[in-house]
Every structure is written in C-alpha cells, then in structure tokens.
All heavy atoms as atom14 arrays in JSON, in Angstrom:
{
  "sequence": "LPWSAESLAREVSMSRSAFVDRFTTLIGVPPIR",
  "atom14_mask": [
    [1, 1, 1, 1, 1, 1, 1, 1, 0, 0, 0, 0, 0, 0],
    [1, 1, 1, 1, 1, 1, 1, 0, 0, 0, 0, 0, 0, 0],
    [1, 1, 1, 1, 1, 1, 1, 1, 1, 1, 1, 1, 1, 1],
    [1, 1, 1, 1, 1, 1, 0, 0, 0, 0, 0, 0, 0, 0],
    [1, 1, 1, 1, 1, 0, 0, 0, 0, 0, 0, 0, 0, 0],
    [1, 1, 1, 1, 1, 1, 1, 1, 1, 0, 0, 0, 0, 0],
    [1, 1, 1, 1, 1, 1, 0, 0, 0, 0, 0, 0, 0, 0],
    [1, 1, 1, 1, 1, 1, 1, 1, 0, 0, 0, 0, 0, 0],
    [1, 1, 1, 1, 1, 0, 0, 0, 0, 0, 0, 0, 0, 0],
    [1, 1, 1, 1, 1, 1, 1, 1, 1, 1, 1, 0, 0, 0],
    [1, 1, 1, 1, 1, 1, 1, 1, 1, 0, 0, 0, 0, 0],
    [1, 1, 1, 1, 1, 1, 1, 0, 0, 0, 0, 0, 0, 0],
    [1, 1, 1, 1, 1, 1, 0, 0, 0, 0, 0, 0, 0, 0],
    [1, 1, 1, 1, 1, 1, 1, 1, 0, 0, 0, 0, 0, 0],
    [1, 1, 1, 1, 1, 1, 0, 0, 0, 0, 0, 0, 0, 0],
    [1, 1, 1, 1, 1, 1, 1, 1, 1, 1, 1, 0, 0, 0],
    [1, 1, 1, 1, 1, 1, 0, 0, 0, 0, 0, 0, 0, 0],
    [1, 1, 1, 1, 1, 0, 0, 0, 0, 0, 0, 0, 0, 0],
    [1, 1, 1, 1, 1, 1, 1, 1, 1, 1, 1, 0, 0, 0],
    [1, 1, 1, 1, 1, 1, 1, 0, 0, 0, 0, 0, 0, 0],
    [1, 1, 1, 1, 1, 1, 1, 1, 0, 0, 0, 0, 0, 0],
    [1, 1, 1, 1, 1, 1, 1, 1, 1, 1, 1, 0, 0, 0],
    [1, 1, 1, 1, 1, 1, 1, 1, 1, 1, 1, 0, 0, 0],
    [1, 1, 1, 1, 1, 1, 1, 0, 0, 0, 0, 0, 0, 0],
    [1, 1, 1, 1, 1, 1, 1, 0, 0, 0, 0, 0, 0, 0],
    [1, 1, 1, 1, 1, 1, 1, 1, 0, 0, 0, 0, 0, 0],
    [1, 1, 1, 1, 1, 1, 1, 1, 0, 0, 0, 0, 0, 0],
    [1, 1, 1, 1, 0, 0, 0, 0, 0, 0, 0, 0, 0, 0],
    [1, 1, 1, 1, 1, 1, 1, 0, 0, 0, 0, 0, 0, 0],
    [1, 1, 1, 1, 1, 1, 1, 0, 0, 0, 0, 0, 0, 0],
    [1, 1, 1, 1, 1, 1, 1, 0, 0, 0, 0, 0, 0, 0],
    [1, 1, 1, 1, 1, 1, 1, 1, 0, 0, 0, 0, 0, 0],
    [1, 1, 1, 1, 1, 1, 1, 1, 1, 1, 1, 0, 0, 0]
  ],
  "atom14_positions": [
    [[105.43, 118.42, 117.53], [106.28, 117.59, 116.66], [105.61, 117.37, 115.31], [104.38, 117.37, 115.21], [106.56, 116.24, 117.33], [107.47, 116.28, 118.56], [107.69, 114.87, 119.1], [108.81, 116.91, 118.23], [0.0, 0.0, 0.0], [0.0, 0.0, 0.0], [0.0, 0.0, 0.0], [0.0, 0.0, 0.0], [0.0, 0.0, 0.0], [0.0, 0.0, 0.0]],
    [[106.41, 117.15, 114.29], [105.84, 116.94, 112.94], [105.28, 115.52, 112.77], [105.8, 114.71, 112.0], [107.02, 117.2, 112.01], [108.22, 116.83, 112.84], [107.86, 117.2, 114.27], [0.0, 0.0, 0.0], [0.0, 0.0, 0.0], [0.0, 0.0, 0.0], [0.0, 0.0, 0.0], [0.0, 0.0, 0.0], [0.0, 0.0, 0.0], [0.0, 0.0, 0.0]],
    [[104.23, 115.2, 113.5], [103.64, 113.87, 113.47], [103.03, 113.57, 112.11], [102.46, 114.43, 111.47], [102.55, 113.72, 114.53], [103.03, 113.76, 115.94], [102.73, 114.73, 116.86], [103.86, 112.82, 116.6], [103.34, 114.43, 118.06], [104.03, 113.27, 117.92], [104.47, 111.64, 116.21], [104.79, 112.57, 118.86], [105.24, 110.95, 117.14], [105.38, 111.41, 118.44]],
    [[103.11, 112.32, 111.74], [102.38, 111.79, 110.58], [101.77, 110.48, 111.05], [102.13, 109.96, 112.12], [103.34, 111.53, 109.41], [104.26, 110.51, 109.74], [0.0, 0.0, 0.0], [0.0, 0.0, 0.0], [0.0, 0.0, 0.0], [0.0, 0.0, 0.0], [0.0, 0.0, 0.0], [0.0, 0.0, 0.0], [0.0, 0.0, 0.0], [0.0, 0.0, 0.0]],
    [[100.86, 109.93, 110.26], [100.29, 108.63, 110.63], [101.4, 107.59, 110.73], [101.41, 106.74, 111.63], [99.23, 108.22, 109.62], [0.0, 0.0, 0.0], [0.0, 0.0, 0.0], [0.0, 0.0, 0.0], [0.0, 0.0, 0.0], [0.0, 0.0, 0.0], [0.0, 0.0, 0.0], [0.0, 0.0, 0.0], [0.0, 0.0, 0.0], [0.0, 0.0, 0.0]],
    [[102.36, 107.68, 109.83], [103.47, 106.72, 109.83], [104.34, 106.88, 111.08], [104.71, 105.89, 111.72], [104.31, 106.89, 108.58], [105.33, 105.79, 108.4], [105.96, 105.81, 107.02], [105.21, 105.98, 106.04], [107.18, 105.65, 106.96], [0.0, 0.0, 0.0], [0.0, 0.0, 0.0], [0.0, 0.0, 0.0], [0.0, 0.0, 0.0], [0.0, 0.0, 0.0]],
    [[104.67, 108.1, 111.47], [105.54, 108.29, 112.64], [104.82, 107.89, 113.93], [105.43, 107.33, 114.84], [106.06, 109.72, 112.73], [105.02, 110.65, 112.95], [0.0, 0.0, 0.0], [0.0, 0.0, 0.0], [0.0, 0.0, 0.0], [0.0, 0.0, 0.0], [0.0, 0.0, 0.0], [0.0, 0.0, 0.0], [0.0, 0.0, 0.0], [0.0, 0.0, 0.0]],
    [[103.52, 108.15, 114.01], [102.75, 107.71, 115.18], [102.68, 106.19, 115.23], [102.81, 105.59, 116.3], [101.35, 108.31, 115.16], [101.26, 109.79, 115.54], [99.91, 110.38, 115.15], [101.52, 109.98, 117.03], [0.0, 0.0, 0.0], [0.0, 0.0, 0.0], [0.0, 0.0, 0.0], [0.0, 0.0, 0.0], [0.0, 0.0, 0.0], [0.0, 0.0, 0.0]],
    [[102.49, 105.56, 114.09], [102.45, 104.09, 114.03], [103.79, 103.51, 114.49], [103.82, 102.54, 115.26], [102.11, 103.62, 112.62], [0.0, 0.0, 0.0], [0.0, 0.0, 0.0], [0.0, 0.0, 0.0], [0.0, 0.0, 0.0], [0.0, 0.0, 0.0], [0.0, 0.0, 0.0], [0.0, 0.0, 0.0], [0.0, 0.0, 0.0], [0.0, 0.0, 0.0]],
    [[104.89, 104.11, 114.02], [106.22, 103.65, 114.46], [106.38, 103.82, 115.97], [106.96, 102.97, 116.64], [107.31, 104.46, 113.75], [107.9, 103.79, 112.54], [109.2, 104.42, 112.08], [109.22, 105.88, 112.08], [108.8, 106.65, 111.08], [108.33, 106.1, 109.98], [108.86, 107.95, 111.17], [0.0, 0.0, 0.0], [0.0, 0.0, 0.0], [0.0, 0.0, 0.0]],
    [[105.86, 104.93, 116.48], [105.96, 105.22, 117.92], [105.35, 104.11, 118.77], [105.79, 103.84, 119.87], [105.25, 106.56, 118.19], [105.33, 107.06, 119.59], [106.63, 107.78, 119.9], [107.45, 108.02, 118.99], [106.83, 108.07, 121.09], [0.0, 0.0, 0.0], [0.0, 0.0, 0.0], [0.0, 0.0, 0.0], [0.0, 0.0, 0.0], [0.0, 0.0, 0.0]],
    [[104.3, 103.46, 118.25], [103.61, 102.42, 119.01], [103.81, 101.02, 118.41], [103.09, 100.09, 118.73], [102.09, 102.74, 119.14], [101.9, 104.04, 119.91], [101.4, 102.79, 117.79], [0.0, 0.0, 0.0], [0.0, 0.0, 0.0], [0.0, 0.0, 0.0], [0.0, 0.0, 0.0], [0.0, 0.0, 0.0], [0.0, 0.0, 0.0], [0.0, 0.0, 0.0]],
    [[104.8, 100.91, 117.55], [105.2, 99.63, 116.96], [104.06, 98.93, 116.22], [103.76, 97.76, 116.46], [105.78, 98.69, 118.04], [106.84, 99.31, 118.71], [0.0, 0.0, 0.0], [0.0, 0.0, 0.0], [0.0, 0.0, 0.0], [0.0, 0.0, 0.0], [0.0, 0.0, 0.0], [0.0, 0.0, 0.0], [0.0, 0.0, 0.0], [0.0, 0.0, 0.0]],
    [[103.43, 99.67, 115.33], [102.37, 99.1, 114.48], [102.63, 99.48, 113.04], [103.34, 100.46, 112.77], [100.99, 99.66, 114.89], [100.49, 99.22, 116.25], [98.86, 99.93, 116.63], [97.8, 98.97, 115.54], [0.0, 0.0, 0.0], [0.0, 0.0, 0.0], [0.0, 0.0, 0.0], [0.0, 0.0, 0.0], [0.0, 0.0, 0.0], [0.0, 0.0, 0.0]],
    [[102.01, 98.74, 112.13], [102.07, 99.16, 110.73], [101.16, 100.37, 110.58], [100.22, 100.57, 111.36], [101.6, 98.03, 109.81], [100.19, 97.88, 109.89], [0.0, 0.0, 0.0], [0.0, 0.0, 0.0], [0.0, 0.0, 0.0], [0.0, 0.0, 0.0], [0.0, 0.0, 0.0], [0.0, 0.0, 0.0], [0.0, 0.0, 0.0], [0.0, 0.0, 0.0]],
    [[101.45, 101.18, 109.59], [100.67, 102.4, 109.36], [99.19, 102.09, 109.16], [98.32, 102.69, 109.78], [101.22, 103.17, 108.16], [100.51, 104.48, 107.92], [100.83, 105.05, 106.51], [99.96, 106.13, 106.18], [98.67, 106.03, 105.87], [98.08, 104.85, 105.87], [97.93, 107.08, 105.58], [0.0, 0.0, 0.0], [0.0, 0.0, 0.0], [0.0, 0.0, 0.0]],
    [[98.89, 101.13, 108.29], [97.48, 100.84, 107.97], [96.74, 100.27, 109.18], [95.6, 100.65, 109.46], [97.37, 99.92, 106.77], [98.03, 98.69, 107.02], [0.0, 0.0, 0.0], [0.0, 0.0, 0.0], [0.0, 0.0, 0.0], [0.0, 0.0, 0.0], [0.0, 0.0, 0.0], [0.0, 0.0, 0.0], [0.0, 0.0, 0.0], [0.0, 0.0, 0.0]],
    [[97.39, 99.37, 109.92], [96.74, 98.81, 111.11], [96.52, 99.89, 112.16], [95.47, 99.94, 112.82], [97.58, 97.68, 111.69], [0.0, 0.0, 0.0], [0.0, 0.0, 0.0], [0.0, 0.0, 0.0], [0.0, 0.0, 0.0], [0.0, 0.0, 0.0], [0.0, 0.0, 0.0], [0.0, 0.0, 0.0], [0.0, 0.0, 0.0], [0.0, 0.0, 0.0]],
    [[97.5, 100.78, 112.32], [97.37, 101.87, 113.28], [96.21, 102.8, 112.91], [95.37, 103.13, 113.75], [98.68, 102.67, 113.36], [98.56, 103.93, 114.15], [98.46, 103.88, 115.54], [98.55, 105.16, 113.52], [98.34, 105.06, 116.28], [98.42, 106.34, 114.25], [98.31, 106.28, 115.64], [0.0, 0.0, 0.0], [0.0, 0.0, 0.0], [0.0, 0.0, 0.0]],
    [[96.17, 103.23, 111.65], [95.1, 104.15, 111.22], [93.74, 103.5, 111.4], [92.8, 104.14, 111.91], [95.32, 104.6, 109.75], [94.11, 105.34, 109.21], [96.56, 105.49, 109.65], [0.0, 0.0, 0.0], [0.0, 0.0, 0.0], [0.0, 0.0, 0.0], [0.0, 0.0, 0.0], [0.0, 0.0, 0.0], [0.0, 0.0, 0.0], [0.0, 0.0, 0.0]],
    [[93.6, 102.23, 111.03], [92.32, 101.53, 111.2], [91.91, 101.45, 112.67], [90.76, 101.75, 113.03], [92.39, 100.12, 110.61], [92.42, 100.11, 109.09], [92.12, 101.15, 108.48], [92.76, 99.05, 108.53], [0.0, 0.0, 0.0], [0.0, 0.0, 0.0], [0.0, 0.0, 0.0], [0.0, 0.0, 0.0], [0.0, 0.0, 0.0], [0.0, 0.0, 0.0]],
    [[92.84, 101.03, 113.52], [92.53, 100.88, 114.95], [92.23, 102.22, 115.6], [91.29, 102.34, 116.39], [93.71, 100.2, 115.63], [93.47, 99.74, 117.03], [94.52, 98.71, 117.31], [94.75, 98.4, 118.68], [95.68, 97.55, 119.08], [96.46, 96.97, 118.19], [95.84, 97.27, 120.34], [0.0, 0.0, 0.0], [0.0, 0.0, 0.0], [0.0, 0.0, 0.0]],
    [[93.03, 103.24, 115.29], [92.84, 104.58, 115.85], [91.46, 105.11, 115.44], [90.69, 105.59, 116.28], [93.94, 105.52, 115.35], [93.99, 106.85, 116.06], [94.93, 107.07, 117.04], [93.11, 107.88, 115.73], [95.0, 108.29, 117.7], [93.15, 109.1, 116.38], [94.11, 109.31, 117.37], [0.0, 0.0, 0.0], [0.0, 0.0, 0.0], [0.0, 0.0, 0.0]],
    [[91.15, 105.02, 114.17], [89.88, 105.53, 113.65], [88.69, 104.79, 114.26], [87.69, 105.41, 114.62], [89.85, 105.43, 112.11], [90.99, 106.14, 111.59], [88.58, 106.03, 111.54], [0.0, 0.0, 0.0], [0.0, 0.0, 0.0], [0.0, 0.0, 0.0], [0.0, 0.0, 0.0], [0.0, 0.0, 0.0], [0.0, 0.0, 0.0], [0.0, 0.0, 0.0]],
    [[88.81, 103.48, 114.41], [87.74, 102.69, 115.01], [87.51, 103.11, 116.46], [86.36, 103.29, 116.89], [88.07, 101.19, 114.94], [88.18, 100.82, 113.56], [86.99, 100.35, 115.61], [0.0, 0.0, 0.0], [0.0, 0.0, 0.0], [0.0, 0.0, 0.0], [0.0, 0.0, 0.0], [0.0, 0.0, 0.0], [0.0, 0.0, 0.0], [0.0, 0.0, 0.0]],
    [[88.57, 103.27, 117.22], [88.44, 103.57, 118.64], [88.1, 105.04, 118.91], [87.25, 105.34, 119.75], [89.73, 103.2, 119.38], [90.03, 101.71, 119.48], [91.4, 101.47, 120.09], [88.95, 101.0, 120.28], [0.0, 0.0, 0.0], [0.0, 0.0, 0.0], [0.0, 0.0, 0.0], [0.0, 0.0, 0.0], [0.0, 0.0, 0.0], [0.0, 0.0, 0.0]],
    [[88.75, 105.95, 118.22], [88.6, 107.38, 118.5], [87.45, 107.98, 117.71], [86.81, 108.92, 118.15], [89.92, 108.14, 118.21], [91.08, 107.54, 119.0], [89.79, 109.63, 118.49], [90.93, 107.61, 120.49], [0.0, 0.0, 0.0], [0.0, 0.0, 0.0], [0.0, 0.0, 0.0], [0.0, 0.0, 0.0], [0.0, 0.0, 0.0], [0.0, 0.0, 0.0]],
    [[87.19, 107.45, 116.55], [86.09, 107.97, 115.73], [86.52, 108.9, 114.62], [85.71, 109.29, 113.79], [0.0, 0.0, 0.0], [0.0, 0.0, 0.0], [0.0, 0.0, 0.0], [0.0, 0.0, 0.0], [0.0, 0.0, 0.0], [0.0, 0.0, 0.0], [0.0, 0.0, 0.0], [0.0, 0.0, 0.0], [0.0, 0.0, 0.0], [0.0, 0.0, 0.0]],
    [[87.79, 109.28, 114.61], [88.35, 110.1, 113.54], [89.76, 109.57, 113.25], [90.4, 108.99, 114.13], [88.42, 111.61, 113.9], [87.04, 112.21, 114.06], [89.26, 111.86, 115.13], [0.0, 0.0, 0.0], [0.0, 0.0, 0.0], [0.0, 0.0, 0.0], [0.0, 0.0, 0.0], [0.0, 0.0, 0.0], [0.0, 0.0, 0.0], [0.0, 0.0, 0.0]],
    [[90.27, 109.8, 112.04], [91.63, 109.36, 111.73], [92.66, 110.13, 112.58], [92.38, 111.23, 113.06], [91.8, 109.71, 110.24], [90.41, 109.88, 109.72], [89.57, 110.35, 110.88], [0.0, 0.0, 0.0], [0.0, 0.0, 0.0], [0.0, 0.0, 0.0], [0.0, 0.0, 0.0], [0.0, 0.0, 0.0], [0.0, 0.0, 0.0], [0.0, 0.0, 0.0]],
    [[93.85, 109.55, 112.76], [94.83, 110.16, 113.64], [95.23, 111.58, 113.25], [95.4, 112.44, 114.12], [96.03, 109.21, 113.59], [95.75, 108.24, 112.51], [94.31, 108.27, 112.21], [0.0, 0.0, 0.0], [0.0, 0.0, 0.0], [0.0, 0.0, 0.0], [0.0, 0.0, 0.0], [0.0, 0.0, 0.0], [0.0, 0.0, 0.0], [0.0, 0.0, 0.0]],
    [[95.37, 111.87, 111.99], [95.81, 113.21, 111.59], [94.7, 114.23, 111.81], [94.95, 115.37, 112.19], [96.34, 113.21, 110.14], [97.56, 112.27, 110.03], [96.71, 114.61, 109.68], [98.67, 112.51, 111.07], [0.0, 0.0, 0.0], [0.0, 0.0, 0.0], [0.0, 0.0, 0.0], [0.0, 0.0, 0.0], [0.0, 0.0, 0.0], [0.0, 0.0, 0.0]],
    [[93.46, 113.82, 111.64], [92.34, 114.72, 111.96], [92.31, 114.99, 113.46], [92.11, 116.13, 113.89], [91.02, 114.1, 111.49], [89.8, 114.89, 111.87], [89.73, 116.22, 111.11], [88.57, 116.97, 111.56], [88.59, 118.28, 111.8], [89.66, 118.98, 111.58], [87.51, 118.88, 112.23], [0.0, 0.0, 0.0], [0.0, 0.0, 0.0], [0.0, 0.0, 0.0]]
  ]
}
C-alpha cells in the first residue's frame, strides 16, 4: 500500500507528529525508513 507517515498515523488514530516521534523512539528509525 502507498503508506505515508500521515496515513499510518491516521490508521492508529494519532497525529502525524506524535506518531512519528513515538514510532522513532520505540523502533529506533522513522516509520518511512
């Protein structure tokens, strides 16, 4: 699927910036990477 940080954030009901920060903190890389 044509995922973006914004579409993934929508998928989990978060704002884009909060999602990217939380994902990067937990996983160690940004979601698109």
